[in-house]
Amino acid sequence: MSEKAARPRLEDVAARVGLSTASVSLVLRGVPGPSERTRQRVLKAAAELGYQPDRNASMLARRRSRLLGVMVDIHSPFHAELVEHLHTAAEQVGYDLVLSTQTRTRDETTAVETLLAFRSEALILLGPVAPAATLTALHQKAPVVSVGRRIPDAELDVVRTADDDGVGQIVDHLTGLGHRSIAYVDGGKGVIATDRRRGYREAMRRHGLDDHIRVLHGDHTEEAGERAAGQLLSGTGLPTAVVAFNDQCAIGVLTALSRAGVPVPGAVSVAGYDDDALSRLSCFNLTTVSQSAEEQAHHAVTAALERLDEGRTEPREIVLPPQLVVRGTTAPVA
């Protein structure tokens, strides 16, 4: 590349106005000190040369990246919505995000290592599954905010909704519609799945439905919902309602029931959890539970900034109340 085509440097602006690079840097960073005449000369020279400050070099010089690292499950519509709100919340306070994805072939450890390699000042982990001790050790390297998962007695910050209460609200809603035979499609391993499963069991017992408790193996995918619905269809009789671990799983249940010609909610009511973008589509119109993605994102960024910029050291857990969203997939028992 020719010298003419090279990107203008701070030294080029300084040479144009006959000042030191330190003086030019003060002007371009808006630091008080240089006279108004000097400031105008520097700004004019920078404009004429087409100079653009190197943000990365500037951050390195100050030993700050102002980057928040976010680990996200690429298959989760709810995580995608969280990331959108995290971007907005971070930009409002002068930070940016680095994203690292967790996939079926890329584990949580690799995703986190990538975030640290890009000099993320704090880590916002969406639904982490690593042991609490591992997350606590990670918190010693950079402040960690866990979003969505309960972590008892941890040193790091937690932002979540009360998952057990959310599933309990669904069971309350269904029993209020006259349902008694209510099956639950589980979310697999992990604290979030455990809390939602417990919420189902406790709510069923609260309504005197101990004999109707039925937990089907599942996970967070549409395929798991289809498999669980297949088990119900091949059994001795369908329940009148199915509650799924999340919206993706619930959509799998809806798909299998539709394929089998079972009307929803005419014969079977179905509910999910998360209130993600898919659940709101008219083709699904899914009854679900909202976790308030925007509010969770705001609290997560705020928690990170309190650690980085305000010196807070004590851990904080923010538990938001879930909210039942009734749509078209639940109705009174036939």
C-alpha atoms as a PDB file:
ATOM      1  CA  MET A   1       0.000   0.000   0.000  1.00  0.00           C
ATOM      2  CA  SER A   2       1.379   3.435  -0.893  1.00  0.00           C
ATOM      3  CA  GLU A   3       2.093   6.045   1.753  1.00  0.00           C
ATOM      4  CA  LYS A   4      -0.698   8.185   0.291  1.00  0.00           C
ATOM      5  CA  ALA A   5      -3.234   5.405   0.757  1.00  0.00           C
ATOM      6  CA  ALA A   6      -2.125   4.558   4.293  1.00  0.00           C
ATOM      7  CA  ARG A   7      -4.469   5.403   7.119  1.00  0.00           C
ATOM      8  CA  PRO A   8      -3.593   8.822   8.638  1.00  0.00           C
ATOM      9  CA  ARG A   9      -1.988   8.558  12.056  1.00  0.00           C
ATOM     10  CA  LEU A  10      -1.948  10.821  15.089  1.00  0.00           C
ATOM     11  CA  GLU A  11       1.640  11.726  14.179  1.00  0.00           C
ATOM     12  CA  ASP A  12       0.450  12.978  10.773  1.00  0.00           C
ATOM     13  CA  VAL A  13      -1.992  15.387  12.384  1.00  0.00           C
ATOM     14  CA  ALA A  14       0.685  16.597  14.802  1.00  0.00           C
ATOM     15  CA  ALA A  15       3.123  17.207  11.930  1.00  0.00           C
ATOM     16  CA  ARG A  16       0.482  19.159   9.991  1.00  0.00           C
ATOM     17  CA  VAL A  17      -0.120  21.639  12.857  1.00  0.00           C
ATOM     18  CA  GLY A  18       3.415  21.618  14.303  1.00  0.00           C
ATOM     19  CA  LEU A  19       2.411  20.336  17.720  1.00  0.00           C
ATOM     20  CA  SER A  20       3.356  17.341  19.833  1.00  0.00           C
ATOM     21  CA  THR A  21       1.311  14.169  19.559  1.00  0.00           C
ATOM     22  CA  ALA A  22       0.422  14.588  23.237  1.00  0.00           C
ATOM     23  CA  SER A  23      -1.149  18.004  22.587  1.00  0.00           C
ATOM     24  CA  VAL A  24      -3.040  16.714  19.559  1.00  0.00           C
ATOM     25  CA  SER A  25      -4.288  13.726  21.566  1.00  0.00           C
ATOM     26  CA  LEU A  26      -5.649  16.051  24.258  1.00  0.00           C
ATOM     27  CA  VAL A  27      -7.668  17.944  21.666  1.00  0.00           C
ATOM     28  CA  LEU A  28      -9.029  14.849  19.950  1.00  0.00           C
ATOM     29  CA  ARG A  29     -10.050  13.295  23.269  1.00  0.00           C
ATOM     30  CA  GLY A  30     -11.790  16.510  24.342  1.00  0.00           C
ATOM     31  CA  VAL A  31      -9.569  16.997  27.391  1.00  0.00           C
ATOM     32  CA  PRO A  32      -9.534  20.579  28.782  1.00  0.00           C
ATOM     33  CA  GLY A  33      -6.234  22.500  28.469  1.00  0.00           C
ATOM     34  CA  PRO A  34      -5.444  23.440  24.850  1.00  0.00           C
ATOM     35  CA  SER A  35      -6.618  26.885  23.730  1.00  0.00           C
ATOM     36  CA  GLU A  36      -9.628  27.295  21.465  1.00  0.00           C
ATOM     37  CA  ARG A  37      -7.326  28.382  18.610  1.00  0.00           C
ATOM     38  CA  THR A  38      -5.198  25.257  19.003  1.00  0.00           C
ATOM     39  CA  ARG A  39      -8.290  23.080  19.202  1.00  0.00           C
ATOM     40  CA  GLN A  40      -9.680  24.497  15.945  1.00  0.00           C
ATOM     41  CA  ARG A  41      -6.323  24.025  14.160  1.00  0.00           C
ATOM     42  CA  VAL A  42      -6.097  20.397  15.243  1.00  0.00           C
ATOM     43  CA  LEU A  43      -9.700  19.586  14.323  1.00  0.00           C
ATOM     44  CA  LYS A  44      -9.285  21.223  10.917  1.00  0.00           C
ATOM     45  CA  ALA A  45      -6.058  19.274  10.206  1.00  0.00           C
ATOM     46  CA  ALA A  46      -7.668  16.007  11.314  1.00  0.00           C
ATOM     47  CA  ALA A  47     -10.623  16.617   9.011  1.00  0.00           C
ATOM     48  CA  GLU A  48      -8.389  17.502   6.051  1.00  0.00           C
ATOM     49  CA  LEU A  49      -6.296  14.369   6.525  1.00  0.00           C
ATOM     50  CA  GLY A  50      -9.329  12.150   7.103  1.00  0.00           C
ATOM     51  CA  TYR A  51      -7.957  11.058  10.462  1.00  0.00           C
ATOM     52  CA  GLN A  52     -10.086   8.597  12.464  1.00  0.00           C
ATOM     53  CA  PRO A  53      -8.967   7.619  15.969  1.00  0.00           C
ATOM     54  CA  ASP A  54      -8.000   3.979  16.428  1.00  0.00           C
ATOM     55  CA  ARG A  55     -10.450   2.888  19.103  1.00  0.00           C
ATOM     56  CA  ASN A  56      -8.595  -0.309  19.930  1.00  0.00           C
ATOM     57  CA  ALA A  57      -5.260   1.467  20.319  1.00  0.00           C
ATOM     58  CA  SER A  58      -6.894   4.094  22.483  1.00  0.00           C
ATOM     59  CA  MET A  59      -8.452   1.505  24.751  1.00  0.00           C
ATOM     60  CA  LEU A  60      -5.169  -0.401  25.001  1.00  0.00           C
ATOM     61  CA  ALA A  61      -3.322   2.759  25.948  1.00  0.00           C
ATOM     62  CA  ARG A  62      -5.762   3.300  28.808  1.00  0.00           C
ATOM     63  CA  ARG A  63      -5.748  -0.427  29.610  1.00  0.00           C
ATOM     64  CA  ARG A  64      -9.531  -0.424  29.247  1.00  0.00           C
ATOM     65  CA  SER A  65     -11.452  -2.165  26.509  1.00  0.00           C
ATOM     66  CA  ARG A  66     -14.952  -1.088  27.631  1.00  0.00           C
ATOM     67  CA  LEU A  67     -16.138  -4.422  26.302  1.00  0.00           C
ATOM     68  CA  LEU A  68     -18.646  -6.707  28.010  1.00  0.00           C
ATOM     69  CA  GLY A  69     -18.343 -10.331  26.978  1.00  0.00           C
ATOM     70  CA  VAL A  70     -21.607 -12.203  26.445  1.00  0.00           C
ATOM     71  CA  MET A  71     -21.936 -15.967  26.133  1.00  0.00           C
ATOM     72  CA  VAL A  72     -25.035 -16.928  24.158  1.00  0.00           C
ATOM     73  CA  ASP A  73     -26.661 -20.176  23.046  1.00  0.00           C
ATOM     74  CA  ILE A  74     -26.965 -19.743  19.290  1.00  0.00           C
ATOM     75  CA  HIS A  75     -30.064 -21.972  19.165  1.00  0.00           C
ATOM     76  CA  SER A  76     -32.077 -19.995  21.733  1.00  0.00           C
ATOM     77  CA  PRO A  77     -34.537 -17.367  20.430  1.00  0.00           C
ATOM     78  CA  PHE A  78     -34.801 -16.023  23.975  1.00  0.00           C
ATOM     79  CA  HIS A  79     -31.040 -15.513  24.174  1.00  0.00           C
ATOM     80  CA  ALA A  80     -31.154 -13.662  20.866  1.00  0.00           C
ATOM     81  CA  GLU A  81     -33.717 -11.287  22.326  1.00  0.00           C
ATOM     82  CA  LEU A  82     -31.613 -10.827  25.457  1.00  0.00           C
ATOM     83  CA  VAL A  83     -28.566  -9.929  23.343  1.00  0.00           C
ATOM     84  CA  GLU A  84     -30.521  -7.247  21.497  1.00  0.00           C
ATOM     85  CA  HIS A  85     -31.484  -5.605  24.792  1.00  0.00           C
ATOM     86  CA  LEU A  86     -27.966  -6.044  26.192  1.00  0.00           C
ATOM     87  CA  HIS A  87     -26.575  -4.133  23.198  1.00  0.00           C
ATOM     88  CA  THR A  88     -28.941  -1.251  23.852  1.00  0.00           C
ATOM     89  CA  ALA A  89     -28.202  -1.148  27.581  1.00  0.00           C
ATOM     90  CA  ALA A  90     -24.425  -1.296  27.032  1.00  0.00           C
ATOM     91  CA  GLU A  91     -24.361   1.399  24.361  1.00  0.00           C
ATOM     92  CA  GLN A  92     -26.276   3.772  26.619  1.00  0.00           C
ATOM     93  CA  VAL A  93     -23.390   3.720  29.096  1.00  0.00           C
ATOM     94  CA  GLY A  94     -20.511   3.768  26.621  1.00  0.00           C
ATOM     95  CA  TYR A  95     -19.743   0.050  26.473  1.00  0.00           C
ATOM     96  CA  ASP A  96     -19.891  -2.463  23.634  1.00  0.00           C
ATOM     97  CA  LEU A  97     -20.412  -6.221  23.517  1.00  0.00           C
ATOM     98  CA  VAL A  98     -18.276  -9.143  22.408  1.00  0.00           C
ATOM     99  CA  LEU A  99     -20.362 -12.224  21.663  1.00  0.00           C
ATOM    100  CA  SER A 100     -19.178 -15.809  21.916  1.00  0.00           C
ATOM    101  CA  THR A 101     -21.514 -18.614  20.963  1.00  0.00           C
ATOM    102  CA  GLN A 102     -22.267 -21.892  22.636  1.00  0.00           C
ATOM    103  CA  THR A 103     -23.360 -24.579  20.161  1.00  0.00           C
ATOM    104  CA  ARG A 104     -23.764 -28.345  20.080  1.00  0.00           C
ATOM    105  CA  THR A 105     -20.086 -28.645  19.114  1.00  0.00           C
ATOM    106  CA  ARG A 106     -18.678 -25.635  21.022  1.00  0.00           C
ATOM    107  CA  ASP A 107     -18.852 -25.877  24.778  1.00  0.00           C
ATOM    108  CA  GLU A 108     -19.174 -23.246  27.473  1.00  0.00           C
ATOM    109  CA  THR A 109     -15.492 -23.309  28.398  1.00  0.00           C
ATOM    110  CA  THR A 110     -14.404 -22.480  24.856  1.00  0.00           C
ATOM    111  CA  ALA A 111     -16.968 -19.696  24.599  1.00  0.00           C
ATOM    112  CA  VAL A 112     -15.747 -18.089  27.816  1.00  0.00           C
ATOM    113  CA  GLU A 113     -12.069 -18.399  26.874  1.00  0.00           C
ATOM    114  CA  THR A 114     -12.813 -16.507  23.664  1.00  0.00           C
ATOM    115  CA  LEU A 115     -14.446 -13.685  25.617  1.00  0.00           C
ATOM    116  CA  LEU A 116     -11.411 -13.362  27.859  1.00  0.00           C
ATOM    117  CA  ALA A 117      -9.052 -13.453  24.870  1.00  0.00           C
ATOM    118  CA  PHE A 118     -10.839 -10.396  23.463  1.00  0.00           C
ATOM    119  CA  ARG A 119     -10.174  -8.533  26.732  1.00  0.00           C
ATOM    120  CA  SER A 120     -13.756  -8.424  27.951  1.00  0.00           C
ATOM    121  CA  GLU A 121     -13.797  -6.465  31.193  1.00  0.00           C
ATOM    122  CA  ALA A 122     -16.800  -8.353  32.570  1.00  0.00           C
ATOM    123  CA  LEU A 123     -18.661 -11.485  31.506  1.00  0.00           C
ATOM    124  CA  ILE A 124     -22.432 -11.779  31.137  1.00  0.00           C
ATOM    125  CA  LEU A 125     -23.244 -15.470  30.840  1.00  0.00           C
ATOM    126  CA  LEU A 126     -26.714 -16.410  29.593  1.00  0.00           C
ATOM    127  CA  GLY A 127     -27.936 -19.594  31.272  1.00  0.00           C
ATOM    128  CA  PRO A 128     -24.500 -20.987  32.251  1.00  0.00           C
ATOM    129  CA  VAL A 129     -24.356 -24.670  33.191  1.00  0.00           C
ATOM    130  CA  ALA A 130     -20.837 -24.852  34.661  1.00  0.00           C
ATOM    131  CA  PRO A 131     -20.535 -25.799  38.345  1.00  0.00           C
ATOM    132  CA  ALA A 132     -20.800 -22.932  40.809  1.00  0.00           C
ATOM    133  CA  ALA A 133     -17.179 -23.450  41.848  1.00  0.00           C
ATOM    134  CA  THR A 134     -16.046 -23.031  38.227  1.00  0.00           C
ATOM    135  CA  LEU A 135     -18.018 -19.812  37.852  1.00  0.00           C
ATOM    136  CA  THR A 136     -16.636 -18.514  41.149  1.00  0.00           C
ATOM    137  CA  ALA A 137     -13.077 -19.174  39.959  1.00  0.00           C
ATOM    138  CA  LEU A 138     -13.869 -17.409  36.688  1.00  0.00           C
ATOM    139  CA  HIS A 139     -15.170 -14.439  38.672  1.00  0.00           C
ATOM    140  CA  GLN A 140     -11.638 -13.971  40.034  1.00  0.00           C
ATOM    141  CA  LYS A 141     -10.447 -13.220  36.483  1.00  0.00           C
ATOM    142  CA  ALA A 142     -13.275 -10.872  35.505  1.00  0.00           C
ATOM    143  CA  PRO A 143     -16.603  -9.935  37.093  1.00  0.00           C
ATOM    144  CA  VAL A 144     -19.262 -12.497  36.149  1.00  0.00           C
ATOM    145  CA  VAL A 145     -22.999 -11.886  35.871  1.00  0.00           C
ATOM    146  CA  SER A 146     -25.103 -15.032  35.524  1.00  0.00           C
ATOM    147  CA  VAL A 147     -28.388 -14.368  33.727  1.00  0.00           C
ATOM    148  CA  GLY A 148     -31.248 -16.810  34.202  1.00  0.00           C
ATOM    149  CA  ARG A 149     -29.650 -19.290  36.587  1.00  0.00           C
ATOM    150  CA  ARG A 150     -29.858 -19.453  40.353  1.00  0.00           C
ATOM    151  CA  ILE A 151     -26.429 -19.834  42.028  1.00  0.00           C
ATOM    152  CA  PRO A 152     -26.776 -20.089  45.825  1.00  0.00           C
ATOM    153  CA  ASP A 153     -24.085 -18.490  48.012  1.00  0.00           C
ATOM    154  CA  ALA A 154     -21.982 -17.451  45.020  1.00  0.00           C
ATOM    155  CA  GLU A 155     -19.586 -14.496  44.983  1.00  0.00           C
ATOM    156  CA  LEU A 156     -20.774 -13.417  41.539  1.00  0.00           C
ATOM    157  CA  ASP A 157     -23.893 -11.493  40.537  1.00  0.00           C
ATOM    158  CA  VAL A 158     -27.120 -13.181  39.425  1.00  0.00           C
ATOM    159  CA  VAL A 159     -30.047 -11.791  37.438  1.00  0.00           C
ATOM    160  CA  ARG A 160     -32.972 -14.177  36.970  1.00  0.00           C
ATOM    161  CA  THR A 161     -36.688 -14.736  37.268  1.00  0.00           C
ATOM    162  CA  ALA A 162     -38.309 -17.042  39.802  1.00  0.00           C
ATOM    163  CA  ASP A 163     -38.592 -20.088  37.528  1.00  0.00           C
ATOM    164  CA  ASP A 164     -40.467 -22.277  39.985  1.00  0.00           C
ATOM    165  CA  ASP A 165     -43.076 -19.576  40.489  1.00  0.00           C
ATOM    166  CA  GLY A 166     -43.427 -19.105  36.716  1.00  0.00           C
ATOM    167  CA  VAL A 167     -44.272 -22.756  36.096  1.00  0.00           C
ATOM    168  CA  GLY A 168     -46.530 -22.659  39.135  1.00  0.00           C
ATOM    169  CA  GLN A 169     -48.480 -19.824  37.511  1.00  0.00           C
ATOM    170  CA  ILE A 170     -49.052 -21.988  34.436  1.00  0.00           C
ATOM    171  CA  VAL A 171     -50.366 -24.886  36.529  1.00  0.00           C
ATOM    172  CA  ASP A 172     -52.599 -22.470  38.458  1.00  0.00           C
ATOM    173  CA  HIS A 173     -53.948 -21.170  35.141  1.00  0.00           C
ATOM    174  CA  LEU A 174     -54.652 -24.666  33.815  1.00  0.00           C
ATOM    175  CA  THR A 175     -56.329 -25.923  36.986  1.00  0.00           C
ATOM    176  CA  GLY A 176     -58.457 -22.796  36.932  1.00  0.00           C
ATOM    177  CA  LEU A 177     -59.647 -23.945  33.498  1.00  0.00           C
ATOM    178  CA  GLY A 178     -60.634 -27.305  34.952  1.00  0.00           C
ATOM    179  CA  HIS A 179     -57.558 -29.351  33.956  1.00  0.00           C
ATOM    180  CA  ARG A 180     -56.356 -32.129  36.231  1.00  0.00           C
ATOM    181  CA  SER A 181     -54.355 -34.383  33.919  1.00  0.00           C
ATOM    182  CA  ILE A 182     -51.407 -32.057  33.293  1.00  0.00           C
ATOM    183  CA  ALA A 183     -48.130 -33.507  31.987  1.00  0.00           C
ATOM    184  CA  TYR A 184     -44.754 -31.747  32.075  1.00  0.00           C
ATOM    185  CA  VAL A 185     -41.969 -32.004  29.467  1.00  0.00           C
ATOM    186  CA  ASP A 186     -38.710 -31.622  31.380  1.00  0.00           C
ATOM    187  CA  GLY A 187     -35.727 -29.459  30.421  1.00  0.00           C
ATOM    188  CA  GLY A 188     -32.988 -31.985  31.180  1.00  0.00           C
ATOM    189  CA  LYS A 189     -30.030 -31.263  33.465  1.00  0.00           C
ATOM    190  CA  GLY A 190     -29.115 -27.972  35.076  1.00  0.00           C
ATOM    191  CA  VAL A 191     -30.374 -25.624  37.766  1.00  0.00           C
ATOM    192  CA  ILE A 192     -32.944 -23.854  35.560  1.00  0.00           C
ATOM    193  CA  ALA A 193     -34.515 -27.178  34.572  1.00  0.00           C
ATOM    194  CA  THR A 194     -34.491 -28.312  38.187  1.00  0.00           C
ATOM    195  CA  ASP A 195     -36.267 -25.163  39.379  1.00  0.00           C
ATOM    196  CA  ARG A 196     -38.974 -25.372  36.712  1.00  0.00           C
ATOM    197  CA  ARG A 197     -39.528 -29.095  37.357  1.00  0.00           C
ATOM    198  CA  ARG A 198     -39.857 -28.365  41.070  1.00  0.00           C
ATOM    199  CA  GLY A 199     -42.330 -25.591  40.331  1.00  0.00           C
ATOM    200  CA  TYR A 200     -44.509 -28.038  38.386  1.00  0.00           C
ATOM    201  CA  ARG A 201     -44.437 -30.711  41.091  1.00  0.00           C
ATOM    202  CA  GLU A 202     -45.138 -28.272  43.928  1.00  0.00           C
ATOM    203  CA  ALA A 203     -48.022 -26.641  42.065  1.00  0.00           C
ATOM    204  CA  MET A 204     -49.601 -29.998  41.229  1.00  0.00           C
ATOM    205  CA  ARG A 205     -49.384 -31.031  44.889  1.00  0.00           C
ATOM    206  CA  ARG A 206     -50.793 -27.690  45.992  1.00  0.00           C
ATOM    207  CA  HIS A 207     -53.892 -28.413  43.905  1.00  0.00           C
ATOM    208  CA  GLY A 208     -54.185 -31.981  45.240  1.00  0.00           C
ATOM    209  CA  LEU A 209     -53.065 -33.519  41.947  1.00  0.00           C
ATOM    210  CA  ASP A 210     -50.250 -35.732  43.244  1.00  0.00           C
ATOM    211  CA  ASP A 211     -51.593 -38.753  41.377  1.00  0.00           C
ATOM    212  CA  HIS A 212     -51.560 -36.832  38.081  1.00  0.00           C
ATOM    213  CA  ILE A 213     -47.903 -35.752  38.212  1.00  0.00           C
ATOM    214  CA  ARG A 214     -46.184 -36.942  35.037  1.00  0.00           C
ATOM    215  CA  VAL A 215     -42.716 -35.742  34.000  1.00  0.00           C
ATOM    216  CA  LEU A 216     -41.512 -36.652  30.497  1.00  0.00           C
ATOM    217  CA  HIS A 217     -37.853 -36.629  29.493  1.00  0.00           C
ATOM    218  CA  GLY A 218     -36.919 -33.617  27.368  1.00  0.00           C
ATOM    219  CA  ASP A 219     -34.563 -30.709  26.849  1.00  0.00           C
ATOM    220  CA  HIS A 220     -34.724 -27.177  25.409  1.00  0.00           C
ATOM    221  CA  THR A 221     -35.293 -28.128  21.749  1.00  0.00           C
ATOM    222  CA  GLU A 222     -38.284 -28.539  19.428  1.00  0.00           C
ATOM    223  CA  GLU A 223     -37.180 -32.129  18.794  1.00  0.00           C
ATOM    224  CA  ALA A 224     -37.521 -32.942  22.487  1.00  0.00           C
ATOM    225  CA  GLY A 225     -41.072 -31.603  22.471  1.00  0.00           C
ATOM    226  CA  GLU A 226     -41.951 -33.744  19.453  1.00  0.00           C
ATOM    227  CA  ARG A 227     -40.497 -36.867  21.086  1.00  0.00           C
ATOM    228  CA  ALA A 228     -42.394 -36.231  24.323  1.00  0.00           C
ATOM    229  CA  ALA A 229     -45.646 -35.665  22.469  1.00  0.00           C
ATOM    230  CA  GLY A 230     -44.991 -38.885  20.558  1.00  0.00           C
ATOM    231  CA  GLN A 231     -44.794 -40.757  23.862  1.00  0.00           C
ATOM    232  CA  LEU A 232     -48.106 -39.272  24.957  1.00  0.00           C
ATOM    233  CA  LEU A 233     -49.753 -40.142  21.639  1.00  0.00           C
ATOM    234  CA  SER A 234     -48.581 -43.743  21.814  1.00  0.00           C
ATOM    235  CA  GLY A 235     -49.670 -44.176  25.426  1.00  0.00           C
ATOM    236  CA  THR A 236     -52.986 -45.239  26.945  1.00  0.00           C
ATOM    237  CA  GLY A 237     -54.464 -41.755  26.917  1.00  0.00           C
ATOM    238  CA  LEU A 238     -53.590 -38.132  26.327  1.00  0.00           C
ATOM    239  CA  PRO A 239     -53.490 -35.656  29.198  1.00  0.00           C
ATOM    240  CA  THR A 240     -55.771 -32.652  28.819  1.00  0.00           C
ATOM    241  CA  ALA A 241     -52.810 -30.259  29.131  1.00  0.00           C
ATOM    242  CA  VAL A 242     -49.042 -30.228  28.552  1.00  0.00           C
ATOM    243  CA  VAL A 243     -46.577 -27.763  30.075  1.00  0.00           C
ATOM    244  CA  ALA A 244     -43.158 -27.597  28.380  1.00  0.00           C
ATOM    245  CA  PHE A 245     -39.816 -26.484  29.790  1.00  0.00           C
ATOM    246  CA  ASN A 246     -39.555 -23.629  27.256  1.00  0.00           C
ATOM    247  CA  ASP A 247     -41.267 -22.244  24.171  1.00  0.00           C
ATOM    248  CA  GLN A 248     -39.075 -24.177  21.746  1.00  0.00           C
ATOM    249  CA  CYS A 249     -40.033 -27.452  23.411  1.00  0.00           C
ATOM    250  CA  ALA A 250     -43.702 -26.402  23.478  1.00  0.00           C
ATOM    251  CA  ILE A 251     -43.618 -25.677  19.747  1.00  0.00           C
ATOM    252  CA  GLY A 252     -42.332 -29.222  19.225  1.00  0.00           C
ATOM    253  CA  VAL A 253     -45.327 -30.499  21.191  1.00  0.00           C
ATOM    254  CA  LEU A 254     -47.683 -28.388  19.067  1.00  0.00           C
ATOM    255  CA  THR A 255     -46.090 -29.727  15.873  1.00  0.00           C
ATOM    256  CA  ALA A 256     -46.502 -33.383  16.874  1.00  0.00           C
ATOM    257  CA  LEU A 257     -50.086 -32.920  18.041  1.00  0.00           C
ATOM    258  CA  SER A 258     -51.007 -31.076  14.838  1.00  0.00           C
ATOM    259  CA  ARG A 259     -49.451 -33.836  12.718  1.00  0.00           C
ATOM    260  CA  ALA A 260     -51.529 -36.415  14.622  1.00  0.00           C
ATOM    261  CA  GLY A 261     -54.721 -34.413  14.098  1.00  0.00           C
ATOM    262  CA  VAL A 262     -55.127 -33.537  17.790  1.00  0.00           C
ATOM    263  CA  PRO A 263     -56.738 -30.078  18.110  1.00  0.00           C
ATOM    264  CA  VAL A 264     -55.078 -27.515  20.378  1.00  0.00           C
ATOM    265  CA  PRO A 265     -56.576 -26.268  22.613  1.00  0.00           C
ATOM    266  CA  GLY A 266     -59.763 -28.212  21.793  1.00  0.00           C
ATOM    267  CA  ALA A 267     -58.438 -31.579  22.980  1.00  0.00           C
ATOM    268  CA  VAL A 268     -55.123 -30.658  24.638  1.00  0.00           C
ATOM    269  CA  SER A 269     -53.966 -27.318  26.031  1.00  0.00           C
ATOM    270  CA  VAL A 270     -50.256 -26.494  25.659  1.00  0.00           C
ATOM    271  CA  ALA A 271     -48.085 -23.918  27.446  1.00  0.00           C
ATOM    272  CA  GLY A 272     -44.413 -22.990  27.245  1.00  0.00           C
ATOM    273  CA  TYR A 273     -41.963 -20.703  29.046  1.00  0.00           C
ATOM    274  CA  ASP A 274     -39.849 -17.669  27.978  1.00  0.00           C
ATOM    275  CA  ASP A 275     -42.278 -15.659  25.807  1.00  0.00           C
ATOM    276  CA  ASP A 276     -39.730 -15.645  22.971  1.00  0.00           C
ATOM    277  CA  ALA A 277     -40.362 -14.184  19.524  1.00  0.00           C
ATOM    278  CA  LEU A 278     -41.653 -17.472  18.082  1.00  0.00           C
ATOM    279  CA  SER A 279     -44.334 -17.857  20.752  1.00  0.00           C
ATOM    280  CA  ARG A 280     -45.872 -14.538  19.678  1.00  0.00           C
ATOM    281  CA  LEU A 281     -46.305 -15.543  16.045  1.00  0.00           C
ATOM    282  CA  SER A 282     -49.960 -15.950  15.074  1.00  0.00           C
ATOM    283  CA  CYS A 283     -49.322 -19.485  13.814  1.00  0.00           C
ATOM    284  CA  PHE A 284     -48.384 -20.547  17.371  1.00  0.00           C
ATOM    285  CA  ASN A 285     -50.040 -17.931  19.625  1.00  0.00           C
ATOM    286  CA  LEU A 286     -48.571 -19.797  22.575  1.00  0.00           C
ATOM    287  CA  THR A 287     -49.576 -19.379  26.201  1.00  0.00           C
ATOM    288  CA  THR A 288     -46.306 -18.914  28.052  1.00  0.00           C
ATOM    289  CA  VAL A 289     -44.441 -17.068  30.825  1.00  0.00           C
ATOM    290  CA  SER A 290     -42.581 -13.816  30.222  1.00  0.00           C
ATOM    291  CA  GLN A 291     -39.126 -13.381  31.756  1.00  0.00           C
ATOM    292  CA  SER A 292     -38.881  -9.686  30.817  1.00  0.00           C
ATOM    293  CA  ALA A 293     -35.784  -9.876  28.613  1.00  0.00           C
ATOM    294  CA  GLU A 294     -35.368  -6.110  28.511  1.00  0.00           C
ATOM    295  CA  GLU A 295     -35.408  -5.770  32.292  1.00  0.00           C
ATOM    296  CA  GLN A 296     -32.985  -8.670  32.768  1.00  0.00           C
ATOM    297  CA  ALA A 297     -30.576  -7.117  30.249  1.00  0.00           C
ATOM    298  CA  HIS A 298     -30.713  -3.739  31.986  1.00  0.00           C
ATOM    299  CA  HIS A 299     -29.976  -5.260  35.401  1.00  0.00           C
ATOM    300  CA  ALA A 300     -27.146  -7.416  34.002  1.00  0.00           C
ATOM    301  CA  VAL A 301     -25.333  -4.449  32.431  1.00  0.00           C
ATOM    302  CA  THR A 302     -25.910  -2.336  35.537  1.00  0.00           C
ATOM    303  CA  ALA A 303     -24.442  -5.063  37.744  1.00  0.00           C
ATOM    304  CA  ALA A 304     -21.342  -5.316  35.538  1.00  0.00           C
ATOM    305  CA  LEU A 305     -20.812  -1.538  35.600  1.00  0.00           C
ATOM    306  CA  GLU A 306     -21.179  -1.378  39.368  1.00  0.00           C
ATOM    307  CA  ARG A 307     -18.319  -3.866  39.610  1.00  0.00           C
ATOM    308  CA  LEU A 308     -16.133  -2.171  36.991  1.00  0.00           C
ATOM    309  CA  ASP A 309     -16.732   1.520  37.565  1.00  0.00           C
ATOM    310  CA  GLU A 310     -18.114   1.868  41.079  1.00  0.00           C
ATOM    311  CA  GLY A 311     -15.997  -0.652  42.944  1.00  0.00           C
ATOM    312  CA  ARG A 312     -18.829  -2.778  44.309  1.00  0.00           C
ATOM    313  CA  THR A 313     -17.479  -6.074  45.679  1.00  0.00           C
ATOM    314  CA  GLU A 314     -20.409  -7.713  47.479  1.00  0.00           C
ATOM    315  CA  PRO A 315     -22.461 -10.159  45.382  1.00  0.00           C
ATOM    316  CA  ARG A 316     -25.995  -9.294  44.345  1.00  0.00           C
ATOM    317  CA  GLU A 317     -28.933 -11.445  43.253  1.00  0.00           C
ATOM    318  CA  ILE A 318     -31.823  -9.786  41.423  1.00  0.00           C
ATOM    319  CA  VAL A 319     -34.926 -11.994  41.169  1.00  0.00           C
ATOM    320  CA  LEU A 320     -37.631 -10.655  38.868  1.00  0.00           C
ATOM    321  CA  PRO A 321     -41.246 -11.850  39.070  1.00  0.00           C
ATOM    322  CA  PRO A 322     -42.331 -13.908  36.037  1.00  0.00           C
ATOM    323  CA  GLN A 323     -45.606 -13.024  34.334  1.00  0.00           C
ATOM    324  CA  LEU A 324     -48.099 -15.427  32.791  1.00  0.00           C
ATOM    325  CA  VAL A 325     -49.043 -14.539  29.204  1.00  0.00           C
ATOM    326  CA  VAL A 326     -52.307 -16.201  28.170  1.00  0.00           C
ATOM    327  CA  ARG A 327     -52.755 -16.721  24.441  1.00  0.00           C
ATOM    328  CA  GLY A 328     -54.596 -19.164  22.232  1.00  0.00           C
ATOM    329  CA  THR A 329     -53.160 -22.582  23.123  1.00  0.00           C
ATOM    330  CA  THR A 330     -54.955 -22.996  26.463  1.00  0.00           C
ATOM    331  CA  ALA A 331     -58.703 -23.284  27.038  1.00  0.00           C
ATOM    332  CA  PRO A 332     -61.163 -24.843  29.513  1.00  0.00           C
ATOM    333  CA  VAL A 333     -61.017 -28.613  29.623  1.00  0.00           C
ATOM    334  CA  ALA A 334     -63.402 -30.214  27.119  1.00  0.00           C
END
